[in-house]
C-alpha atoms as a PDB file:
ATOM      1  CA  MET A   1      -4.593 -26.586   9.212  1.00  0.00           C
ATOM      2  CA  ASP A   2      -3.823 -26.216  12.959  1.00  0.00           C
ATOM      3  CA  ILE A   3      -1.075 -24.102  14.486  1.00  0.00           C
ATOM      4  CA  ASN A   4       0.315 -27.151  16.298  1.00  0.00           C
ATOM      5  CA  GLU A   5       1.234 -28.630  13.080  1.00  0.00           C
ATOM      6  CA  LEU A   6       3.882 -25.829  12.313  1.00  0.00           C
ATOM      7  CA  LYS A   7       7.686 -26.541  13.060  1.00  0.00           C
ATOM      8  CA  PHE A   8       9.226 -24.069  15.255  1.00  0.00           C
ATOM      9  CA  ASP A   9      13.107 -24.151  15.264  1.00  0.00           C
ATOM     10  CA  ASP A  10      15.092 -24.870  18.500  1.00  0.00           C
ATOM     11  CA  ASN A  11      14.464 -21.354  19.754  1.00  0.00           C
ATOM     12  CA  GLY A  12      10.811 -21.785  19.275  1.00  0.00           C
ATOM     13  CA  LEU A  13      10.617 -19.444  16.215  1.00  0.00           C
ATOM     14  CA  ILE A  14       9.436 -19.650  12.692  1.00  0.00           C
ATOM     15  CA  PRO A  15      10.255 -17.113   9.861  1.00  0.00           C
ATOM     16  CA  ALA A  16       7.523 -15.091   8.392  1.00  0.00           C
ATOM     17  CA  VAL A  17       7.692 -13.461   4.949  1.00  0.00           C
ATOM     18  CA  VAL A  18       5.478 -10.478   4.859  1.00  0.00           C
ATOM     19  CA  GLN A  19       3.894  -9.375   1.505  1.00  0.00           C
ATOM     20  CA  ASP A  20       1.711  -6.490   0.376  1.00  0.00           C
ATOM     21  CA  PHE A  21      -1.746  -7.684  -0.420  1.00  0.00           C
ATOM     22  CA  TYR A  22      -2.068  -5.351  -3.391  1.00  0.00           C
ATOM     23  CA  THR A  23       1.165  -5.553  -5.113  1.00  0.00           C
ATOM     24  CA  ASN A  24       2.789  -8.898  -3.791  1.00  0.00           C
ATOM     25  CA  GLU A  25       5.923  -6.939  -3.015  1.00  0.00           C
ATOM     26  CA  VAL A  26       7.995  -8.573  -0.127  1.00  0.00           C
ATOM     27  CA  LEU A  27       7.935  -6.026   2.752  1.00  0.00           C
ATOM     28  CA  THR A  28       9.835  -7.683   5.462  1.00  0.00           C
ATOM     29  CA  VAL A  29      11.047 -10.976   6.958  1.00  0.00           C
ATOM     30  CA  ALA A  30      10.736 -11.237  10.472  1.00  0.00           C
ATOM     31  CA  TYR A  31      10.079 -14.016  13.179  1.00  0.00           C
ATOM     32  CA  MET A  32       7.267 -15.258  15.159  1.00  0.00           C
ATOM     33  CA  ASN A  33       6.970 -17.627  18.289  1.00  0.00           C
ATOM     34  CA  LYS A  34       3.740 -19.394  18.952  1.00  0.00           C
ATOM     35  CA  GLU A  35       2.598 -16.637  21.382  1.00  0.00           C
ATOM     36  CA  SER A  36       2.950 -13.994  18.650  1.00  0.00           C
ATOM     37  CA  LEU A  37       1.437 -16.086  16.023  1.00  0.00           C
ATOM     38  CA  GLU A  38      -1.655 -16.681  18.330  1.00  0.00           C
ATOM     39  CA  ILE A  39      -1.818 -12.910  18.979  1.00  0.00           C
ATOM     40  CA  SER A  40      -1.643 -12.233  15.184  1.00  0.00           C
ATOM     41  CA  LEU A  41      -4.455 -14.728  14.629  1.00  0.00           C
ATOM     42  CA  CYS A  42      -6.569 -13.198  17.224  1.00  0.00           C
ATOM     43  CA  GLU A  43      -6.118  -9.409  16.569  1.00  0.00           C
ATOM     44  CA  LYS A  44      -5.706  -9.851  12.644  1.00  0.00           C
ATOM     45  CA  LYS A  45      -2.602  -7.632  12.857  1.00  0.00           C
ATOM     46  CA  THR A  46       0.988  -8.744  12.725  1.00  0.00           C
ATOM     47  CA  CYS A  47       2.875  -9.442  15.974  1.00  0.00           C
ATOM     48  CA  PHE A  48       6.349 -10.684  15.832  1.00  0.00           C
ATOM     49  CA  PHE A  49       9.095 -11.835  18.086  1.00  0.00           C
ATOM     50  CA  SER A  50      12.215  -9.693  18.415  1.00  0.00           C
ATOM     51  CA  ARG A  51      15.253 -11.844  18.416  1.00  0.00           C
ATOM     52  CA  SER A  52      17.481  -9.049  19.516  1.00  0.00           C
ATOM     53  CA  ARG A  53      15.174  -7.534  22.429  1.00  0.00           C
ATOM     54  CA  LYS A  54      13.865 -11.188  23.353  1.00  0.00           C
ATOM     55  CA  THR A  55      10.352  -9.750  23.470  1.00  0.00           C
ATOM     56  CA  LEU A  56       6.914  -9.585  21.479  1.00  0.00           C
ATOM     57  CA  TRP A  57       6.590  -6.630  19.284  1.00  0.00           C
ATOM     58  CA  ARG A  58       3.280  -5.597  17.559  1.00  0.00           C
ATOM     59  CA  LYS A  59       4.097  -4.055  14.234  1.00  0.00           C
ATOM     60  CA  GLY A  60       3.108  -0.346  14.194  1.00  0.00           C
ATOM     61  CA  GLU A  61       2.576   0.130  17.938  1.00  0.00           C
ATOM     62  CA  THR A  62       4.927   2.850  18.182  1.00  0.00           C
ATOM     63  CA  SER A  63       5.336   3.758  14.469  1.00  0.00           C
ATOM     64  CA  GLY A  64       1.777   3.728  13.462  1.00  0.00           C
ATOM     65  CA  GLY A  65       2.759   1.336  10.454  1.00  0.00           C
ATOM     66  CA  ILE A  66       0.100  -1.302  11.492  1.00  0.00           C
ATOM     67  CA  GLN A  67      -0.131  -4.483   9.224  1.00  0.00           C
ATOM     68  CA  HIS A  68      -3.744  -5.742   8.750  1.00  0.00           C
ATOM     69  CA  ILE A  69      -3.625  -9.502   8.031  1.00  0.00           C
ATOM     70  CA  VAL A  70      -5.409 -10.865   4.915  1.00  0.00           C
ATOM     71  CA  SER A  71      -4.125 -14.368   5.024  1.00  0.00           C
ATOM     72  CA  ILE A  72      -1.296 -16.552   6.386  1.00  0.00           C
ATOM     73  CA  LYS A  73       0.092 -19.515   4.651  1.00  0.00           C
ATOM     74  CA  THR A  74       2.702 -22.094   5.291  1.00  0.00           C
ATOM     75  CA  ASP A  75       5.065 -23.998   2.996  1.00  0.00           C
ATOM     76  CA  CYS A  76       4.944 -27.632   2.476  1.00  0.00           C
ATOM     77  CA  ASP A  77       7.688 -28.455   5.293  1.00  0.00           C
ATOM     78  CA  ARG A  78       5.505 -26.428   7.671  1.00  0.00           C
ATOM     79  CA  ASP A  79       8.475 -24.446   9.032  1.00  0.00           C
ATOM     80  CA  SER A  80       7.918 -21.029   7.322  1.00  0.00           C
ATOM     81  CA  LEU A  81       5.106 -18.550   6.767  1.00  0.00           C
ATOM     82  CA  VAL A  82       3.844 -16.129   4.216  1.00  0.00           C
ATOM     83  CA  ILE A  83       1.592 -13.446   5.403  1.00  0.00           C
ATOM     84  CA  LYS A  84      -0.110 -11.061   3.142  1.00  0.00           C
ATOM     85  CA  VAL A  85      -1.278  -7.842   4.715  1.00  0.00           C
ATOM     86  CA  ILE A  86      -2.924  -4.440   4.131  1.00  0.00           C
ATOM     87  CA  LYS A  87      -0.413  -1.991   5.621  1.00  0.00           C
ATOM     88  CA  GLU A  88      -0.572   1.557   6.997  1.00  0.00           C
ATOM     89  CA  GLY A  89       2.382   3.405   6.036  1.00  0.00           C
ATOM     90  CA  PRO A  90       5.866   2.165   5.311  1.00  0.00           C
ATOM     91  CA  ALA A  91       6.714  -1.271   6.173  1.00  0.00           C
ATOM     92  CA  CYS A  92      10.600  -0.574   7.150  1.00  0.00           C
ATOM     93  CA  HIS A  93      11.795   1.301  10.174  1.00  0.00           C
ATOM     94  CA  LEU A  94      13.876   3.497   7.835  1.00  0.00           C
ATOM     95  CA  GLY A  95      10.606   4.946   6.347  1.00  0.00           C
ATOM     96  CA  THR A  96      10.632   3.083   3.051  1.00  0.00           C
ATOM     97  CA  GLU A  97       7.672   1.099   1.664  1.00  0.00           C
ATOM     98  CA  SER A  98       9.692  -2.335   1.999  1.00  0.00           C
ATOM     99  CA  CYS A  99      12.763  -3.434   3.861  1.00  0.00           C
ATOM    100  CA  PHE A 100      14.160  -4.847   0.675  1.00  0.00           C
ATOM    101  CA  SER A 101      15.278  -1.912  -1.650  1.00  0.00           C
ATOM    102  CA  ASP A 102      19.006  -2.506  -2.282  1.00  0.00           C
ATOM    103  CA  PHE A 103      20.191  -4.856  -5.077  1.00  0.00           C
ATOM    104  CA  LEU A 104      23.040  -7.274  -4.310  1.00  0.00           C
ATOM    105  CA  PHE A 105      22.745  -8.218  -7.964  1.00  0.00           C
ATOM    106  CA  ASN A 106      20.445  -7.195 -10.844  1.00  0.00           C
ATOM    107  CA  SER A 107      20.986  -8.476 -14.504  1.00  0.00           C
ATOM    108  CA  GLY A 108      19.114  -5.317 -15.745  1.00  0.00           C
ATOM    109  CA  ASP A 109      15.935  -7.173 -16.432  1.00  0.00           C
ATOM    110  CA  GLU A 110      14.296  -6.108 -13.129  1.00  0.00           C
ATOM    111  CA  LYS A 111      13.325  -2.633 -13.501  1.00  0.00           C
ATOM    112  CA  LYS A 112      11.708  -0.486 -10.802  1.00  0.00           C
ATOM    113  CA  GLU A 113       7.910  -0.602 -11.454  1.00  0.00           C
ATOM    114  CA  PHE A 114       5.824   2.497 -11.679  1.00  0.00           C
ATOM    115  CA  SER A 115       3.125   2.875  -9.174  1.00  0.00           C
ATOM    116  CA  LEU A 116       0.634   5.331  -8.348  1.00  0.00           C
ATOM    117  CA  LYS A 117       2.034   5.412  -4.726  1.00  0.00           C
ATOM    118  CA  GLU A 118       5.413   6.337  -6.280  1.00  0.00           C
ATOM    119  CA  LEU A 119       3.893   9.384  -8.262  1.00  0.00           C
ATOM    120  CA  TYR A 120       1.987  10.452  -4.904  1.00  0.00           C
ATOM    121  CA  ASN A 121       5.375  10.480  -3.187  1.00  0.00           C
ATOM    122  CA  LEU A 122       6.978  12.513  -5.791  1.00  0.00           C
ATOM    123  CA  LEU A 123       4.110  14.854  -5.629  1.00  0.00           C
ATOM    124  CA  SER A 124       4.441  14.996  -1.824  1.00  0.00           C
ATOM    125  CA  GLU A 125       8.055  16.119  -2.526  1.00  0.00           C
ATOM    126  CA  ARG A 126       7.096  18.630  -4.899  1.00  0.00           C
ATOM    127  CA  LYS A 127       4.560  20.047  -2.635  1.00  0.00           C
ATOM    128  CA  ARG A 128       7.339  20.314   0.169  1.00  0.00           C
ATOM    129  CA  ILE A 129      10.155  21.824  -2.045  1.00  0.00           C
ATOM    130  CA  ARG A 130       8.141  23.754  -4.632  1.00  0.00           C
ATOM    131  CA  PRO A 131      10.621  23.779  -7.274  1.00  0.00           C
ATOM    132  CA  GLU A 132      10.519  26.769  -9.504  1.00  0.00           C
ATOM    133  CA  GLY A 133       9.012  26.257 -12.996  1.00  0.00           C
ATOM    134  CA  SER A 134       7.237  22.994 -12.148  1.00  0.00           C
ATOM    135  CA  TYR A 135       3.450  22.708 -12.971  1.00  0.00           C
ATOM    136  CA  THR A 136       2.922  20.726  -9.775  1.00  0.00           C
ATOM    137  CA  THR A 137       4.383  23.686  -7.956  1.00  0.00           C
ATOM    138  CA  TYR A 138       1.813  26.031  -9.785  1.00  0.00           C
ATOM    139  CA  LEU A 139      -1.123  23.775  -8.868  1.00  0.00           C
ATOM    140  CA  PHE A 140      -0.159  23.743  -5.097  1.00  0.00           C
ATOM    141  CA  ASP A 141       0.643  27.593  -5.011  1.00  0.00           C
ATOM    142  CA  LYS A 142      -2.781  28.333  -6.716  1.00  0.00           C
ATOM    143  CA  GLY A 143      -4.518  26.109  -4.256  1.00  0.00           C
ATOM    144  CA  ARG A 144      -7.548  23.734  -3.902  1.00  0.00           C
ATOM    145  CA  GLU A 145     -10.037  25.771  -6.122  1.00  0.00           C
ATOM    146  CA  LYS A 146      -7.645  25.589  -9.028  1.00  0.00           C
ATOM    147  CA  ILE A 147      -6.913  21.769  -8.514  1.00  0.00           C
ATOM    148  CA  LEU A 148     -10.601  21.073  -8.180  1.00  0.00           C
ATOM    149  CA  LYS A 149     -11.052  23.001 -11.462  1.00  0.00           C
ATOM    150  CA  LYS A 150      -8.430  20.906 -13.226  1.00  0.00           C
ATOM    151  CA  VAL A 151      -9.796  17.524 -11.885  1.00  0.00           C
ATOM    152  CA  GLY A 152     -13.302  18.638 -13.319  1.00  0.00           C
ATOM    153  CA  GLU A 153     -11.798  19.599 -16.626  1.00  0.00           C
ATOM    154  CA  GLU A 154      -9.914  16.187 -16.991  1.00  0.00           C
ATOM    155  CA  CYS A 155     -13.030  14.257 -16.053  1.00  0.00           C
ATOM    156  CA  SER A 156     -14.818  16.041 -18.987  1.00  0.00           C
ATOM    157  CA  GLU A 157     -11.722  14.990 -21.250  1.00  0.00           C
ATOM    158  CA  VAL A 158     -12.116  11.435 -20.258  1.00  0.00           C
ATOM    159  CA  ILE A 159     -15.672  11.400 -21.078  1.00  0.00           C
ATOM    160  CA  ILE A 160     -15.173  13.076 -24.454  1.00  0.00           C
ATOM    161  CA  GLY A 161     -12.400  10.636 -25.371  1.00  0.00           C
ATOM    162  CA  ALA A 162     -14.679   7.574 -24.473  1.00  0.00           C
ATOM    163  CA  MET A 163     -17.547   9.088 -26.337  1.00  0.00           C
ATOM    164  CA  LYS A 164     -15.367   9.401 -29.571  1.00  0.00           C
ATOM    165  CA  ASP A 165     -14.376   5.637 -28.920  1.00  0.00           C
ATOM    166  CA  SER A 166     -10.785   6.566 -28.939  1.00  0.00           C
ATOM    167  CA  ARG A 167      -8.849   4.328 -26.644  1.00  0.00           C
ATOM    168  CA  GLU A 168      -5.470   6.230 -27.094  1.00  0.00           C
ATOM    169  CA  GLU A 169      -7.119   9.679 -26.181  1.00  0.00           C
ATOM    170  CA  THR A 170      -9.147   8.077 -23.364  1.00  0.00           C
ATOM    171  CA  ILE A 171      -5.864   6.407 -21.895  1.00  0.00           C
ATOM    172  CA  TYR A 172      -4.135   9.730 -22.190  1.00  0.00           C
ATOM    173  CA  GLU A 173      -6.950  11.703 -20.425  1.00  0.00           C
ATOM    174  CA  ILE A 174      -7.401   9.134 -17.732  1.00  0.00           C
ATOM    175  CA  SER A 175      -3.652   9.432 -17.018  1.00  0.00           C
ATOM    176  CA  ASP A 176      -4.023  13.412 -16.770  1.00  0.00           C
ATOM    177  CA  LEU A 177      -7.099  12.662 -14.536  1.00  0.00           C
ATOM    178  CA  CYS A 178      -5.070  10.223 -12.282  1.00  0.00           C
ATOM    179  CA  TYR A 179      -2.250  12.757 -11.908  1.00  0.00           C
ATOM    180  CA  HIS A 180      -4.532  15.730 -11.000  1.00  0.00           C
ATOM    181  CA  VAL A 181      -6.658  13.580  -8.487  1.00  0.00           C
ATOM    182  CA  LEU A 182      -3.329  12.700  -6.833  1.00  0.00           C
ATOM    183  CA  VAL A 183      -2.371  16.343  -6.540  1.00  0.00           C
ATOM    184  CA  LEU A 184      -5.801  16.848  -4.925  1.00  0.00           C
ATOM    185  CA  MET A 185      -5.105  13.920  -2.401  1.00  0.00           C
ATOM    186  CA  ASN A 186      -1.884  15.567  -1.532  1.00  0.00           C
ATOM    187  CA  GLU A 187      -3.510  18.865  -1.065  1.00  0.00           C
ATOM    188  CA  MET A 188      -5.970  17.223   1.323  1.00  0.00           C
ATOM    189  CA  ASN A 189      -3.479  14.772   2.889  1.00  0.00           C
ATOM    190  CA  ILE A 190      -5.437  11.846   1.884  1.00  0.00           C
ATOM    191  CA  SER A 191      -3.012   8.955   1.326  1.00  0.00           C
ATOM    192  CA  VAL A 192      -2.960   6.162  -1.246  1.00  0.00           C
ATOM    193  CA  ASP A 193      -3.346   3.628   1.541  1.00  0.00           C
ATOM    194  CA  GLU A 194      -6.467   5.245   2.921  1.00  0.00           C
ATOM    195  CA  VAL A 195      -8.243   5.033  -0.548  1.00  0.00           C
ATOM    196  CA  LYS A 196      -7.029   1.372  -1.025  1.00  0.00           C
ATOM    197  CA  ASN A 197      -8.405   0.665   2.377  1.00  0.00           C
ATOM    198  CA  GLU A 198     -11.739   2.237   1.547  1.00  0.00           C
ATOM    199  CA  LEU A 199     -11.897   0.211  -1.597  1.00  0.00           C
ATOM    200  CA  SER A 200     -10.873  -3.046   0.045  1.00  0.00           C
ATOM    201  CA  SER A 201     -13.415  -2.629   2.741  1.00  0.00           C
ATOM    202  CA  ARG A 202     -16.262  -2.573   0.107  1.00  0.00           C
ATOM    203  CA  HIS A 203     -15.507  -6.221  -0.859  1.00  0.00           C
ATOM    204  CA  ILE A 204     -17.735  -7.207   2.001  1.00  0.00           C
ATOM    205  CA  ILE A 205     -20.730  -5.110   1.038  1.00  0.00           C
ATOM    206  CA  ASP A 206     -23.521  -6.227  -0.985  1.00  0.00           C
ATOM    207  CA  LYS A 207     -22.831  -3.741  -3.785  1.00  0.00           C
ATOM    208  CA  LYS A 208     -26.328  -3.968  -5.306  1.00  0.00           C
ATOM    209  CA  SER A 209     -28.070  -3.087  -1.991  1.00  0.00           C
ATOM    210  CA  LYS A 210     -25.470  -0.420  -1.196  1.00  0.00           C
ATOM    211  CA  GLN A 211     -26.167   1.197  -4.695  1.00  0.00           C
ATOM    212  CA  GLU A 212     -30.043   0.964  -4.168  1.00  0.00           C
ATOM    213  CA  THR A 213     -29.740   2.521  -0.706  1.00  0.00           C
ATOM    214  CA  MET A 214     -27.587   5.469  -2.072  1.00  0.00           C
ATOM    215  CA  LYS A 215     -30.150   6.350  -4.809  1.00  0.00           C
END
């Protein structure tokens, strides 16, 4: 569809719901005018209109939390947008992954979902505080050589579990491997988003050709 089919309000604005491409989590709700939307479409990065400052603002211009646009959809009335993005860093100016974190109501059925990023952030906190008696603290204190040794050991355990055709054991060992890989990522200051972005970039590669080239 054409941008001219959209219905901007009396102030020339249209609300935009921004979602994480990987998790579908709602990150923020902001507003765009025609100019900011055109910039977003051209640069493939979110650009909004600040109602308080009465000016355009490119997301992440000062914070570094850039949002790379994957898709933009409009609703049936053409008066609102949903934008799916791959983000760099937290979406909220408070440093949280999403601007939506406080419940006004929760029946109890909605529980906070576990994610590798949450585990990564927890490990980052362990690295910073180094609580006594923590296995994670032990790994960080011992350093990269010890962490790499554990990653190698867990890789072997995954292979052994799979060779035995034991789903339960393989799941258990994959979990251990994921944990130790996240510890290694923390030790090397590699973020979860960096790995996701690398994996996402491979969608445009002819995988067969790439594999043949690497051999």
